[in-house]
Amino acid sequence: MLHVVHHPAYVSPATPGSRFRFDKYGLVMEALREVAPAMTLHTPDAMPRVWIEAVHDPAYVEEVLTLTVPQAKERRIGFPVTQRVMLRSTLSPGGTWAAARLARIHGFAANAAGGSHHALADSGAGYCVFNDLAIAANRLIAEGEADRILILDLDVHQGDGTASLLAGRADIFTLSIHAEKNFPVRKARSTLDIGLPDGVEDAAYLAILHDTLPRVLDDFAPDLILYQAGVDPHGDDRLGRLALTDAGLDARDRYVMRQARARAIPVASTMGGGYGEDRMAVAHRHAACMIRMAQEAMV
């Protein structure tokens, strides 16, 4: 059974002057309904302000919630912060937190949004407003839902915001495997960063993952994994610089889930990046990721 956290407000019209299309989140649900063998939907609540402010500068949180984000910050985010954007930006961290709690019961659950790994303490960036991964991880540990969390970021872009917000924490390990020459230009320092050259294909990528992930799991011994499952390492992605195939993404995700399952570690995934003119093709990549993770969790 695939457990998916989704809210209708994840989907909103494109904002003026931006290429970012929020309809992807609706298309992913369409794709899941087409191909998912069995699925249970869960509706998240908005993340309470106190938990957002535990990670982000309260002054920035106030700007977002009152729709007074300065234009310079909106340019950094990539779109204006409207009422609809503000709402989904509070729901998405709630969705990641809810998916993590469901994963502890079912072994795996997916937030059908989230992965806003570029958002920093006092500003959003790179299509990210609030950093749901950092917010959810902090709350889960603070409330005793987990003791040690691995944030496994396999998006094609480095999780710079997550790394910055969680720097120095011994109870959260941030691992980012990304295209080194891709956004952001200035990288932050994760617990462990592996920057890949352009054009890396399936075999080389999977060899690095196989060499890295088991050692991190055994040495850090997390009791929960938050998985930034971006599909933008795909060779057809508009913003990617790597060359994974559908089969490569399939092998990546199944390997992550098998390694976690072998150690009885629950996994909650966030959608992360995936970009292209054929938005339904991108949606199917995201949906396929969730389905195969759920399949591996039930083996």
Protein backbone atom coordinates (compact mmCIF):
# COMPACT_ATOMS: atom_id res chain seq x y z
CA MET A 1 0.00 0.00 0.00
CA LEU A 2 1.34 3.41 -0.99
CA HIS A 3 0.68 6.13 1.59
CA VAL A 4 0.73 9.60 0.04
CA VAL A 5 0.35 12.95 1.77
CA HIS A 6 -1.38 15.46 -0.48
CA HIS A 7 -3.40 18.65 -0.13
CA PRO A 8 -5.42 20.33 -2.90
CA ALA A 9 -3.64 23.58 -2.08
CA TYR A 10 -0.34 22.04 -3.19
CA VAL A 11 -1.62 22.98 -6.67
CA SER A 12 -1.96 26.64 -7.58
CA PRO A 13 -1.77 28.77 -10.74
CA ALA A 14 1.61 29.87 -12.04
CA THR A 15 2.64 33.21 -10.59
CA PRO A 16 3.26 36.14 -12.94
CA GLY A 17 6.76 36.40 -14.35
CA SER A 18 7.90 32.91 -13.33
CA ARG A 19 8.47 29.70 -15.31
CA PHE A 20 7.77 27.61 -12.22
CA ARG A 21 4.53 25.68 -12.70
CA PHE A 22 2.70 24.50 -9.58
CA ASP A 23 0.45 22.27 -11.72
CA LYS A 24 3.13 19.55 -11.49
CA TYR A 25 1.76 18.61 -8.10
CA GLY A 26 -1.69 17.98 -9.54
CA LEU A 27 -0.28 16.07 -12.49
CA VAL A 28 1.63 13.78 -10.14
CA MET A 29 -1.65 12.85 -8.45
CA GLU A 30 -3.18 12.17 -11.86
CA ALA A 31 -0.23 9.93 -12.71
CA LEU A 32 -0.55 8.07 -9.41
CA ARG A 33 -4.25 7.45 -9.97
CA GLU A 34 -3.44 6.04 -13.40
CA VAL A 35 -0.79 3.57 -12.33
CA ALA A 36 -0.67 3.10 -8.53
CA PRO A 37 -2.03 -0.37 -7.66
CA ALA A 38 -3.28 0.70 -4.21
CA MET A 39 -3.00 4.09 -2.55
CA THR A 40 -4.19 5.81 0.60
CA LEU A 41 -4.26 9.60 0.68
CA HIS A 42 -3.56 11.61 3.82
CA THR A 43 -4.28 15.33 4.17
CA PRO A 44 -1.68 17.40 6.03
CA ASP A 45 -2.21 20.33 8.34
CA ALA A 46 -0.23 23.52 7.95
CA MET A 47 2.98 23.47 9.97
CA PRO A 48 2.49 25.60 13.10
CA ARG A 49 4.37 28.87 12.99
CA VAL A 50 6.41 28.04 16.07
CA TRP A 51 8.07 25.13 14.26
CA ILE A 52 8.80 27.18 11.15
CA GLU A 53 10.39 29.86 13.32
CA ALA A 54 12.47 27.21 15.08
CA VAL A 55 14.41 26.93 11.81
CA HIS A 56 13.80 30.20 9.93
CA ASP A 57 14.32 33.81 11.02
CA PRO A 58 11.03 34.99 12.57
CA ALA A 59 11.29 38.25 10.61
CA TYR A 60 11.36 36.30 7.33
CA VAL A 61 8.48 34.08 8.47
CA GLU A 62 6.48 37.23 9.19
CA GLU A 63 7.22 38.54 5.68
CA VAL A 64 5.91 35.34 4.11
CA LEU A 65 2.81 35.04 6.28
CA THR A 66 1.85 38.69 5.75
CA LEU A 67 2.72 38.65 2.01
CA THR A 68 5.33 41.38 2.47
CA VAL A 69 8.37 39.54 1.11
CA PRO A 70 10.72 42.14 -0.44
CA GLN A 71 11.12 41.98 -4.21
CA ALA A 72 14.80 41.10 -3.86
CA LYS A 73 13.88 37.97 -1.91
CA GLU A 74 11.07 37.12 -4.33
CA ARG A 75 13.56 37.29 -7.18
CA ARG A 76 15.80 34.92 -5.25
CA ILE A 77 12.87 32.57 -4.68
CA GLY A 78 11.88 32.75 -8.34
CA PHE A 79 8.25 33.85 -7.99
CA PRO A 80 6.09 36.29 -5.98
CA VAL A 81 4.79 35.10 -2.61
CA THR A 82 1.03 35.29 -3.07
CA GLN A 83 -1.71 34.06 -0.73
CA ARG A 84 -1.76 30.70 -2.53
CA VAL A 85 2.03 30.39 -2.40
CA MET A 86 2.06 31.27 1.30
CA LEU A 87 -0.57 28.62 2.06
CA ARG A 88 1.23 25.82 0.20
CA SER A 89 4.52 26.90 1.82
CA THR A 90 3.08 26.17 5.27
CA LEU A 91 1.30 23.00 4.16
CA SER A 92 4.37 21.44 2.54
CA PRO A 93 6.41 21.20 5.79
CA GLY A 94 3.31 19.80 7.46
CA GLY A 95 3.17 17.21 4.69
CA THR A 96 6.79 16.15 5.15
CA TRP A 97 6.29 15.86 8.90
CA ALA A 98 3.11 13.83 8.38
CA ALA A 99 4.84 11.55 5.85
CA ALA A 100 7.62 10.87 8.35
CA ARG A 101 5.12 9.89 11.04
CA LEU A 102 3.31 7.61 8.57
CA ALA A 103 6.63 6.06 7.54
CA ARG A 104 7.28 5.07 11.12
CA ILE A 105 4.08 3.01 10.96
CA HIS A 106 4.20 1.68 7.39
CA GLY A 107 7.91 1.69 6.55
CA PHE A 108 7.49 4.23 3.74
CA ALA A 109 5.32 7.23 2.97
CA ALA A 110 5.59 10.04 0.45
CA ASN A 111 4.85 13.74 0.60
CA ALA A 112 3.52 14.66 -2.84
CA ALA A 113 5.30 18.01 -2.55
CA GLY A 114 8.21 19.25 -0.47
CA GLY A 115 11.93 18.99 -0.84
CA SER A 116 12.42 22.75 -0.62
CA HIS A 117 16.10 22.32 0.11
CA HIS A 118 17.35 25.74 -1.06
CA ALA A 119 15.41 27.83 1.47
CA LEU A 120 17.74 29.57 3.94
CA ALA A 121 17.21 31.06 7.38
CA ASP A 122 16.22 34.55 6.25
CA SER A 123 15.17 34.02 2.65
CA GLY A 124 13.86 31.54 0.18
CA ALA A 125 15.79 30.61 -2.95
CA GLY A 126 15.58 28.40 -6.02
CA TYR A 127 11.77 27.96 -6.01
CA CYS A 128 11.83 27.21 -2.27
CA VAL A 129 10.12 29.36 0.41
CA PHE A 130 10.38 27.36 3.66
CA ASN A 131 12.72 24.39 4.09
CA ASP A 132 10.32 21.55 4.87
CA LEU A 133 13.13 19.01 5.33
CA ALA A 134 14.86 21.03 8.05
CA ILE A 135 11.60 22.06 9.72
CA ALA A 136 10.24 18.52 9.83
CA ALA A 137 13.52 16.99 11.00
CA ASN A 138 13.84 19.49 13.82
CA ARG A 139 10.26 18.96 14.98
CA LEU A 140 10.47 15.16 14.79
CA ILE A 141 13.53 15.12 17.03
CA ALA A 142 12.22 17.79 19.41
CA GLU A 143 8.98 15.86 19.94
CA GLY A 144 10.74 12.52 20.40
CA GLU A 145 9.54 10.93 17.14
CA ALA A 146 13.17 10.26 16.16
CA ASP A 147 16.60 10.46 17.73
CA ARG A 148 18.84 10.55 14.65
CA ILE A 149 17.73 11.53 11.16
CA LEU A 150 19.51 11.15 7.83
CA ILE A 151 18.46 13.65 5.18
CA LEU A 152 19.43 11.87 1.99
CA ASP A 153 19.39 14.39 -0.85
CA LEU A 154 19.65 12.82 -4.30
CA ASP A 155 18.22 15.80 -6.15
CA VAL A 156 20.51 17.01 -8.95
CA HIS A 157 21.06 20.27 -7.03
CA GLN A 158 22.94 20.47 -3.75
CA GLY A 159 20.75 20.85 -0.67
CA ASP A 160 22.50 24.05 0.36
CA GLY A 161 19.70 25.44 2.50
CA THR A 162 19.28 22.20 4.42
CA ALA A 163 23.03 22.01 5.00
CA SER A 164 23.17 25.60 6.26
CA LEU A 165 20.15 25.38 8.53
CA LEU A 166 21.26 22.13 10.16
CA ALA A 167 25.02 22.72 10.30
CA GLY A 168 26.63 21.50 13.49
CA ARG A 169 23.81 19.22 14.59
CA ALA A 170 25.05 15.84 15.74
CA ASP A 171 21.57 14.29 15.53
CA ILE A 172 20.93 15.13 11.85
CA PHE A 173 23.20 13.94 9.03
CA THR A 174 22.90 15.71 5.68
CA LEU A 175 24.14 13.76 2.65
CA SER A 176 23.96 15.40 -0.77
CA ILE A 177 24.94 13.72 -4.05
CA HIS A 178 24.53 16.31 -6.79
CA ALA A 179 25.86 17.81 -10.02
CA GLU A 180 28.78 19.95 -8.88
CA LYS A 181 28.46 22.57 -11.63
CA ASN A 182 24.72 23.01 -11.23
CA PHE A 183 22.80 25.48 -9.05
CA PRO A 184 23.63 26.77 -6.49
CA VAL A 185 26.90 28.31 -7.62
CA ARG A 186 28.07 28.69 -4.03
CA LYS A 187 27.71 25.39 -2.25
CA ALA A 188 27.13 25.03 1.46
CA ARG A 189 28.78 22.29 3.52
CA SER A 190 26.64 19.24 4.18
CA THR A 191 27.78 16.58 6.61
CA LEU A 192 28.87 14.79 3.44
CA ASP A 193 28.83 16.23 -0.09
CA ILE A 194 29.58 14.31 -3.27
CA GLY A 195 29.71 16.61 -6.27
CA LEU A 196 29.49 14.83 -9.61
CA PRO A 197 30.83 16.00 -12.97
CA ASP A 198 28.40 16.71 -15.78
CA GLY A 199 27.02 13.79 -17.74
CA VAL A 200 27.36 11.03 -15.14
CA GLU A 201 25.37 7.99 -16.28
CA ASP A 202 23.62 5.17 -14.47
CA ALA A 203 26.54 2.84 -13.74
CA ALA A 204 28.89 5.47 -12.33
CA TYR A 205 26.12 7.12 -10.29
CA LEU A 206 24.95 3.85 -8.79
CA ALA A 207 28.52 2.80 -7.97
CA ILE A 208 28.96 5.98 -5.93
CA LEU A 209 25.64 5.47 -4.16
CA HIS A 210 26.50 1.85 -3.39
CA ASP A 211 29.85 2.89 -1.96
CA THR A 212 28.49 5.75 0.14
CA LEU A 213 25.05 4.98 1.53
CA PRO A 214 25.76 1.74 3.46
CA ARG A 215 28.72 3.34 5.25
CA VAL A 216 26.64 6.36 6.29
CA LEU A 217 23.78 4.18 7.49
CA ASP A 218 26.08 1.94 9.50
CA ASP A 219 28.25 4.70 10.95
CA PHE A 220 25.52 7.27 11.74
CA ALA A 221 22.78 4.71 12.50
CA PRO A 222 19.72 6.91 11.84
CA ASP A 223 16.29 5.79 12.97
CA LEU A 224 14.56 7.75 10.18
CA ILE A 225 15.47 8.81 6.64
CA LEU A 226 14.03 11.87 4.95
CA TYR A 227 14.66 11.20 1.27
CA GLN A 228 14.86 14.12 -1.16
CA ALA A 229 13.88 12.04 -4.19
CA GLY A 230 14.30 14.55 -7.01
CA VAL A 231 13.97 13.09 -10.50
CA ASP A 232 16.04 15.87 -12.05
CA PRO A 233 19.20 13.70 -12.39
CA HIS A 234 17.35 12.26 -15.41
CA GLY A 235 19.11 12.92 -18.70
CA ASP A 236 16.03 14.62 -20.19
CA ASP A 237 15.55 17.04 -17.32
CA ARG A 238 15.54 20.71 -18.31
CA LEU A 239 17.57 21.82 -15.29
CA GLY A 240 19.72 18.74 -14.72
CA ARG A 241 23.29 18.11 -15.83
CA LEU A 242 23.44 14.38 -15.20
CA ALA A 243 22.37 11.56 -17.53
CA LEU A 244 20.41 8.98 -15.58
CA THR A 245 17.78 6.94 -17.40
CA ASP A 246 14.41 5.75 -16.14
CA ALA A 247 16.11 2.47 -15.27
CA GLY A 248 18.81 4.35 -13.38
CA LEU A 249 16.29 6.25 -11.27
CA ASP A 250 14.46 2.99 -10.61
CA ALA A 251 17.66 1.31 -9.43
CA ARG A 252 18.58 4.34 -7.30
CA ASP A 253 15.28 4.39 -5.43
CA ARG A 254 15.03 0.65 -4.95
CA TYR A 255 18.58 0.53 -3.59
CA VAL A 256 17.83 3.30 -1.07
CA MET A 257 14.71 1.51 0.15
CA ARG A 258 16.40 -1.91 0.31
CA GLN A 259 19.29 -0.54 2.35
CA ALA A 260 16.87 1.16 4.71
CA ARG A 261 14.63 -1.88 5.01
CA ALA A 262 17.59 -4.15 5.76
CA ARG A 263 18.26 -1.96 8.81
CA ALA A 264 14.58 -1.44 9.74
CA ILE A 265 14.80 2.31 9.05
CA PRO A 266 11.58 3.99 7.89
CA VAL A 267 11.80 6.32 4.89
CA ALA A 268 9.71 9.38 4.09
CA SER A 269 10.23 10.89 0.65
CA THR A 270 9.73 14.40 -0.68
CA MET A 271 9.28 15.13 -4.37
CA GLY A 272 12.12 17.53 -4.98
CA GLY A 273 13.06 18.64 -8.47
CA GLY A 274 11.88 17.53 -11.87
CA TYR A 275 11.58 19.90 -14.82
CA GLY A 276 10.68 19.65 -18.49
CA GLU A 277 8.36 20.88 -21.19
CA ASP A 278 6.52 17.54 -21.11
CA ARG A 279 5.16 18.01 -17.61
CA MET A 280 3.20 14.76 -17.64
CA ALA A 281 6.38 12.82 -18.36
CA VAL A 282 7.98 14.49 -15.33
CA ALA A 283 4.90 13.72 -13.23
CA HIS A 284 5.13 10.05 -14.19
CA ARG A 285 8.78 9.99 -13.06
CA HIS A 286 7.77 11.31 -9.64
CA ALA A 287 4.86 8.88 -9.39
CA ALA A 288 7.06 5.94 -10.38
CA CYS A 289 9.50 6.85 -7.62
CA MET A 290 6.79 6.73 -4.96
CA ILE A 291 5.36 3.45 -6.26
CA ARG A 292 8.65 1.55 -6.37
CA MET A 293 9.65 2.80 -2.92
CA ALA A 294 6.36 1.50 -1.53
CA GLN A 295 6.87 -1.81 -3.35
CA GLU A 296 10.31 -2.26 -1.81
CA ALA A 297 9.01 -1.34 1.63
CA MET A 298 6.51 -4.21 1.46
CA VAL A 299 8.94 -6.92 0.33
